[in-house]
PDB file of N, CA and C in Angstrom:
ATOM      1  N   UNK A   1       6.642  30.908  10.770  1.00  0.00           N
ATOM      2  CA  UNK A   1       6.258  30.303  12.034  1.00  0.00           C
ATOM      3  C   UNK A   1       5.049  30.998  12.639  1.00  0.00           C
ATOM      4  N   UNK A   2       4.641  32.118  12.053  1.00  0.00           N
ATOM      5  CA  UNK A   2       3.498  32.848  12.601  1.00  0.00           C
ATOM      6  C   UNK A   2       2.197  32.052  12.453  1.00  0.00           C
ATOM      7  N   UNK A   3       2.056  31.307  11.332  1.00  0.00           N
ATOM      8  CA  UNK A   3       0.808  30.574  11.097  1.00  0.00           C
ATOM      9  C   UNK A   3       0.634  29.420  12.077  1.00  0.00           C
ATOM     10  N   UNK A   4       1.713  28.900  12.644  1.00  0.00           N
ATOM     11  CA  UNK A   4       1.592  27.798  13.598  1.00  0.00           C
ATOM     12  C   UNK A   4       0.977  28.283  14.906  1.00  0.00           C
ATOM     13  N   UNK A   5       1.232  29.520  15.257  1.00  0.00           N
ATOM     14  CA  UNK A   5       0.695  30.036  16.514  1.00  0.00           C
ATOM     15  C   UNK A   5      -0.745  30.537  16.364  1.00  0.00           C
ATOM     16  N   UNK A   6      -1.280  30.515  15.150  1.00  0.00           N
ATOM     17  CA  UNK A   6      -2.657  30.955  14.930  1.00  0.00           C
ATOM     18  C   UNK A   6      -3.611  29.923  15.543  1.00  0.00           C
ATOM     19  N   UNK A   7      -4.459  30.344  16.446  1.00  0.00           N
ATOM     20  CA  UNK A   7      -5.339  29.433  17.180  1.00  0.00           C
ATOM     21  C   UNK A   7      -6.388  28.792  16.280  1.00  0.00           C
ATOM     22  N   UNK A   8      -6.807  29.487  15.232  1.00  0.00           N
ATOM     23  CA  UNK A   8      -7.824  28.922  14.335  1.00  0.00           C
ATOM     24  C   UNK A   8      -7.278  27.721  13.570  1.00  0.00           C
ATOM     25  N   UNK A   9      -6.044  27.805  13.130  1.00  0.00           N
ATOM     26  CA  UNK A   9      -5.448  26.693  12.387  1.00  0.00           C
ATOM     27  C   UNK A   9      -5.252  25.497  13.307  1.00  0.00           C
ATOM     28  N   UNK A  10      -4.738  25.718  14.499  1.00  0.00           N
ATOM     29  CA  UNK A  10      -4.540  24.627  15.445  1.00  0.00           C
ATOM     30  C   UNK A  10      -5.866  24.006  15.856  1.00  0.00           C
ATOM     31  N   UNK A  11      -6.890  24.839  16.013  1.00  0.00           N
ATOM     32  CA  UNK A  11      -8.219  24.336  16.351  1.00  0.00           C
ATOM     33  C   UNK A  11      -8.763  23.465  15.219  1.00  0.00           C
ATOM     34  N   UNK A  12      -8.570  23.882  13.975  1.00  0.00           N
ATOM     35  CA  UNK A  12      -9.025  23.110  12.812  1.00  0.00           C
ATOM     36  C   UNK A  12      -8.303  21.778  12.691  1.00  0.00           C
ATOM     37  N   UNK A  13      -6.999  21.791  12.934  1.00  0.00           N
ATOM     38  CA  UNK A  13      -6.232  20.543  12.884  1.00  0.00           C
ATOM     39  C   UNK A  13      -6.701  19.589  13.973  1.00  0.00           C
ATOM     40  N   UNK A  14      -6.947  20.117  15.167  1.00  0.00           N
ATOM     41  CA  UNK A  14      -7.419  19.288  16.279  1.00  0.00           C
ATOM     42  C   UNK A  14      -8.774  18.670  15.992  1.00  0.00           C
ATOM     43  N   UNK A  15      -9.705  19.467  15.477  1.00  0.00           N
ATOM     44  CA  UNK A  15     -11.039  18.954  15.126  1.00  0.00           C
ATOM     45  C   UNK A  15     -10.925  17.891  14.038  1.00  0.00           C
ATOM     46  N   UNK A  16     -10.067  18.116  13.044  1.00  0.00           N
ATOM     47  CA  UNK A  16      -9.881  17.141  11.966  1.00  0.00           C
ATOM     48  C   UNK A  16      -9.328  15.823  12.482  1.00  0.00           C
ATOM     49  N   UNK A  17      -8.368  15.888  13.395  1.00  0.00           N
ATOM     50  CA  UNK A  17      -7.819  14.661  13.969  1.00  0.00           C
ATOM     51  C   UNK A  17      -8.870  13.900  14.775  1.00  0.00           C
ATOM     52  N   UNK A  18      -9.637  14.603  15.551  1.00  0.00           N
ATOM     53  CA  UNK A  18     -10.680  13.952  16.358  1.00  0.00           C
ATOM     54  C   UNK A  18     -11.724  13.302  15.461  1.00  0.00           C
ATOM     55  N   UNK A  19     -12.172  14.006  14.430  1.00  0.00           N
ATOM     56  CA  UNK A  19     -13.147  13.431  13.500  1.00  0.00           C
ATOM     57  C   UNK A  19     -12.576  12.225  12.752  1.00  0.00           C
ATOM     58  N   UNK A  20     -11.336  12.333  12.322  1.00  0.00           N
ATOM     59  CA  UNK A  20     -10.727  11.235  11.595  1.00  0.00           C
ATOM     60  C   UNK A  20     -10.597   9.975  12.441  1.00  0.00           C
ATOM     61  N   UNK A  21     -10.150  10.138  13.675  1.00  0.00           N
ATOM     62  CA  UNK A  21     -10.006   8.986  14.565  1.00  0.00           C
ATOM     63  C   UNK A  21     -11.367   8.387  14.886  1.00  0.00           C
ATOM     64  N   UNK A  22     -12.362   9.231  15.109  1.00  0.00           N
ATOM     65  CA  UNK A  22     -13.708   8.751  15.418  1.00  0.00           C
ATOM     66  C   UNK A  22     -14.284   7.951  14.255  1.00  0.00           C
ATOM     67  N   UNK A  23     -14.099   8.433  13.043  1.00  0.00           N
ATOM     68  CA  UNK A  23     -14.617   7.717  11.876  1.00  0.00           C
ATOM     69  C   UNK A  23     -13.874   6.411  11.632  1.00  0.00           C
ATOM     70  N   UNK A  24     -12.601   6.360  11.937  1.00  0.00           N
ATOM     71  CA  UNK A  24     -11.825   5.138  11.716  1.00  0.00           C
ATOM     72  C   UNK A  24     -12.184   4.038  12.713  1.00  0.00           C
ATOM     73  N   UNK A  25     -12.729   4.376  13.864  1.00  0.00           N
ATOM     74  CA  UNK A  25     -13.153   3.349  14.808  1.00  0.00           C
ATOM     75  C   UNK A  25     -14.295   2.509  14.238  1.00  0.00           C
ATOM     76  N   UNK A  26     -15.128   3.078  13.396  1.00  0.00           N
ATOM     77  CA  UNK A  26     -16.247   2.366  12.799  1.00  0.00           C
ATOM     78  C   UNK A  26     -15.879   1.567  11.566  1.00  0.00           C
ATOM     79  N   UNK A  27     -14.657   1.698  11.064  1.00  0.00           N
ATOM     80  CA  UNK A  27     -14.237   1.009   9.850  1.00  0.00           C
ATOM     81  C   UNK A  27     -13.902  -0.447  10.157  1.00  0.00           C
ATOM     82  N   UNK A  28     -14.499  -1.350   9.403  1.00  0.00           N
ATOM     83  CA  UNK A  28     -14.244  -2.779   9.552  1.00  0.00           C
ATOM     84  C   UNK A  28     -13.593  -3.292   8.272  1.00  0.00           C
ATOM     85  N   UNK A  29     -12.411  -3.818   8.394  1.00  0.00           N
ATOM     86  CA  UNK A  29     -11.718  -4.386   7.241  1.00  0.00           C
ATOM     87  C   UNK A  29     -12.172  -5.836   7.061  1.00  0.00           C
ATOM     88  N   UNK A  30     -12.849  -6.105   5.969  1.00  0.00           N
ATOM     89  CA  UNK A  30     -13.353  -7.462   5.721  1.00  0.00           C
ATOM     90  C   UNK A  30     -12.642  -8.105   4.539  1.00  0.00           C
ATOM     91  N   UNK A  31     -11.449  -7.642   4.233  1.00  0.00           N
ATOM     92  CA  UNK A  31     -10.710  -8.159   3.101  1.00  0.00           C
ATOM     93  C   UNK A  31      -9.759  -9.252   3.576  1.00  0.00           C
ATOM     94  N   UNK A  32     -10.270 -10.475   3.623  1.00  0.00           N
ATOM     95  CA  UNK A  32      -9.466 -11.621   4.030  1.00  0.00           C
ATOM     96  C   UNK A  32      -9.224 -12.497   2.809  1.00  0.00           C
ATOM     97  N   UNK A  33      -7.975 -12.555   2.383  1.00  0.00           N
ATOM     98  CA  UNK A  33      -7.620 -13.333   1.205  1.00  0.00           C
ATOM     99  C   UNK A  33      -6.723 -14.488   1.601  1.00  0.00           C
ATOM    100  N   UNK A  34      -6.927 -15.612   0.968  1.00  0.00           N
ATOM    101  CA  UNK A  34      -6.050 -16.755   1.198  1.00  0.00           C
ATOM    102  C   UNK A  34      -4.763 -16.545   0.395  1.00  0.00           C
ATOM    103  N   UNK A  35      -3.757 -17.335   0.702  1.00  0.00           N
ATOM    104  CA  UNK A  35      -2.484 -17.218  -0.008  1.00  0.00           C
ATOM    105  C   UNK A  35      -2.645 -17.489  -1.497  1.00  0.00           C
ATOM    106  N   UNK A  36      -3.507 -18.439  -1.845  1.00  0.00           N
ATOM    107  CA  UNK A  36      -3.691 -18.758  -3.261  1.00  0.00           C
ATOM    108  C   UNK A  36      -4.367 -17.605  -4.011  1.00  0.00           C
ATOM    109  N   UNK A  37      -5.314 -16.927  -3.363  1.00  0.00           N
ATOM    110  CA  UNK A  37      -5.975 -15.776  -3.997  1.00  0.00           C
ATOM    111  C   UNK A  37      -4.991 -14.623  -4.182  1.00  0.00           C
ATOM    112  N   UNK A  38      -4.117 -14.414  -3.190  1.00  0.00           N
ATOM    113  CA  UNK A  38      -3.123 -13.353  -3.304  1.00  0.00           C
ATOM    114  C   UNK A  38      -2.165 -13.651  -4.455  1.00  0.00           C
ATOM    115  N   UNK A  39      -1.717 -14.911  -4.555  1.00  0.00           N
ATOM    116  CA  UNK A  39      -0.815 -15.284  -5.644  1.00  0.00           C
ATOM    117  C   UNK A  39      -1.507 -15.152  -6.998  1.00  0.00           C
ATOM    118  N   UNK A  40      -2.778 -15.525  -7.064  1.00  0.00           N
ATOM    119  CA  UNK A  40      -3.538 -15.415  -8.315  1.00  0.00           C
ATOM    120  C   UNK A  40      -3.633 -13.960  -8.758  1.00  0.00           C
ATOM    121  N   UNK A  41      -3.916 -13.071  -7.830  1.00  0.00           N
ATOM    122  CA  UNK A  41      -3.995 -11.641  -8.167  1.00  0.00           C
ATOM    123  C   UNK A  41      -2.631 -11.090  -8.564  1.00  0.00           C
ATOM    124  N   UNK A  42      -1.584 -11.498  -7.848  1.00  0.00           N
ATOM    125  CA  UNK A  42      -0.239 -11.011  -8.162  1.00  0.00           C
ATOM    126  C   UNK A  42       0.211 -11.487  -9.539  1.00  0.00           C
ATOM    127  N   UNK A  43      -0.096 -12.727  -9.885  1.00  0.00           N
ATOM    128  CA  UNK A  43       0.256 -13.231 -11.212  1.00  0.00           C
ATOM    129  C   UNK A  43      -0.510 -12.486 -12.298  1.00  0.00           C
ATOM    130  N   UNK A  44      -1.730 -12.088 -11.995  1.00  0.00           N
ATOM    131  CA  UNK A  44      -2.500 -11.295 -12.939  1.00  0.00           C
ATOM    132  C   UNK A  44      -1.868  -9.929 -13.186  1.00  0.00           C
ATOM    133  N   UNK A  45      -1.114  -9.444 -12.191  1.00  0.00           N
ATOM    134  CA  UNK A  45      -0.431  -8.156 -12.329  1.00  0.00           C
ATOM    135  C   UNK A  45       0.999  -8.304 -12.838  1.00  0.00           C
ATOM    136  N   UNK A  46       1.417  -9.548 -13.121  1.00  0.00           N
ATOM    137  CA  UNK A  46       2.726  -9.759 -13.724  1.00  0.00           C
ATOM    138  C   UNK A  46       3.785 -10.357 -12.817  1.00  0.00           C
ATOM    139  N   UNK A  47       3.427 -10.856 -11.665  1.00  0.00           N
ATOM    140  CA  UNK A  47       4.407 -11.461 -10.774  1.00  0.00           C
ATOM    141  C   UNK A  47       4.899 -12.785 -11.343  1.00  0.00           C
ATOM    142  N   UNK A  48       6.165 -13.086 -11.101  1.00  0.00           N
ATOM    143  CA  UNK A  48       6.721 -14.380 -11.474  1.00  0.00           C
ATOM    144  C   UNK A  48       7.794 -14.737 -10.461  1.00  0.00           C
ATOM    145  N   UNK A  49       8.054 -16.016 -10.329  1.00  0.00           N
ATOM    146  CA  UNK A  49       9.099 -16.498  -9.431  1.00  0.00           C
ATOM    147  C   UNK A  49      10.431 -16.490 -10.156  1.00  0.00           C
ATOM    148  N   UNK A  50      11.513 -16.391  -9.390  1.00  0.00           N
ATOM    149  CA  UNK A  50      12.838 -16.299 -10.011  1.00  0.00           C
ATOM    150  C   UNK A  50      13.202 -17.583 -10.752  1.00  0.00           C
ATOM    151  N   UNK A  51      12.710 -18.730 -10.317  1.00  0.00           N
ATOM    152  CA  UNK A  51      13.035 -19.979 -11.021  1.00  0.00           C
ATOM    153  C   UNK A  51      12.254 -20.126 -12.329  1.00  0.00           C
ATOM    154  N   UNK A  52      11.308 -19.250 -12.584  1.00  0.00           N
ATOM    155  CA  UNK A  52      10.550 -19.269 -13.835  1.00  0.00           C
ATOM    156  C   UNK A  52      11.198 -18.386 -14.904  1.00  0.00           C
ATOM    157  N   UNK A  53      12.227 -17.637 -14.528  1.00  0.00           N
ATOM    158  CA  UNK A  53      12.884 -16.717 -15.457  1.00  0.00           C
ATOM    159  C   UNK A  53      14.096 -17.378 -16.096  1.00  0.00           C
ATOM    160  N   UNK A  54      14.279 -17.128 -17.355  1.00  0.00           N
ATOM    161  CA  UNK A  54      15.445 -17.650 -18.044  1.00  0.00           C
ATOM    162  C   UNK A  54      16.557 -16.619 -17.917  1.00  0.00           C
ATOM    163  N   UNK A  55      17.678 -17.041 -17.402  1.00  0.00           N
ATOM    164  CA  UNK A  55      18.808 -16.147 -17.238  1.00  0.00           C
ATOM    165  C   UNK A  55      19.653 -16.170 -18.506  1.00  0.00           C
ATOM    166  N   UNK A  56      20.010 -14.998 -18.992  1.00  0.00           N
ATOM    167  CA  UNK A  56      20.855 -14.875 -20.180  1.00  0.00           C
ATOM    168  C   UNK A  56      22.269 -14.548 -19.710  1.00  0.00           C
ATOM    169  N   UNK A  57      23.218 -15.417 -20.075  1.00  0.00           N
ATOM    170  CA  UNK A  57      24.619 -15.203 -19.740  1.00  0.00           C
ATOM    171  C   UNK A  57      25.308 -14.673 -20.992  1.00  0.00           C
ATOM    172  N   UNK A  58      26.181 -13.673 -20.805  1.00  0.00           N
ATOM    173  CA  UNK A  58      26.848 -13.054 -21.949  1.00  0.00           C
ATOM    174  C   UNK A  58      27.628 -14.107 -22.739  1.00  0.00           C
ATOM    175  N   UNK A  59      27.443 -14.129 -24.052  1.00  0.00           N
ATOM    176  CA  UNK A  59      28.093 -15.097 -24.925  1.00  0.00           C
ATOM    177  C   UNK A  59      27.301 -16.389 -25.061  1.00  0.00           C
ATOM    178  N   UNK A  60      26.117 -16.451 -24.473  1.00  0.00           N
ATOM    179  CA  UNK A  60      25.297 -17.666 -24.467  1.00  0.00           C
ATOM    180  C   UNK A  60      24.030 -17.473 -25.309  1.00  0.00           C
ATOM    181  N   UNK A  61      23.996 -16.424 -26.170  1.00  0.00           N
ATOM    182  CA  UNK A  61      22.778 -16.090 -26.911  1.00  0.00           C
ATOM    183  C   UNK A  61      22.481 -17.085 -28.034  1.00  0.00           C
ATOM    184  N   UNK A  62      23.488 -17.776 -28.565  1.00  0.00           N
ATOM    185  CA  UNK A  62      23.303 -18.638 -29.728  1.00  0.00           C
ATOM    186  C   UNK A  62      22.834 -20.043 -29.387  1.00  0.00           C
ATOM    187  N   UNK A  63      22.708 -20.377 -28.171  1.00  0.00           N
ATOM    188  CA  UNK A  63      22.328 -21.742 -27.795  1.00  0.00           C
ATOM    189  C   UNK A  63      20.852 -21.915 -27.794  1.00  0.00           C
TER     190      UNK A  63
END
């Protein structure tokens, strides 16, 4: 607990938080995707709907 009371560490954490918040104010998120684009990307990564999956029931392998 001694390092928490060190003023240099607390000062560094405070400066880092102030700089981080200041830099994030200038960040503009321009990533606007439509639902179809999101689904297209997800399918590219392997997404599938549950009705597209074939369910295997025990004892039903020979059909």
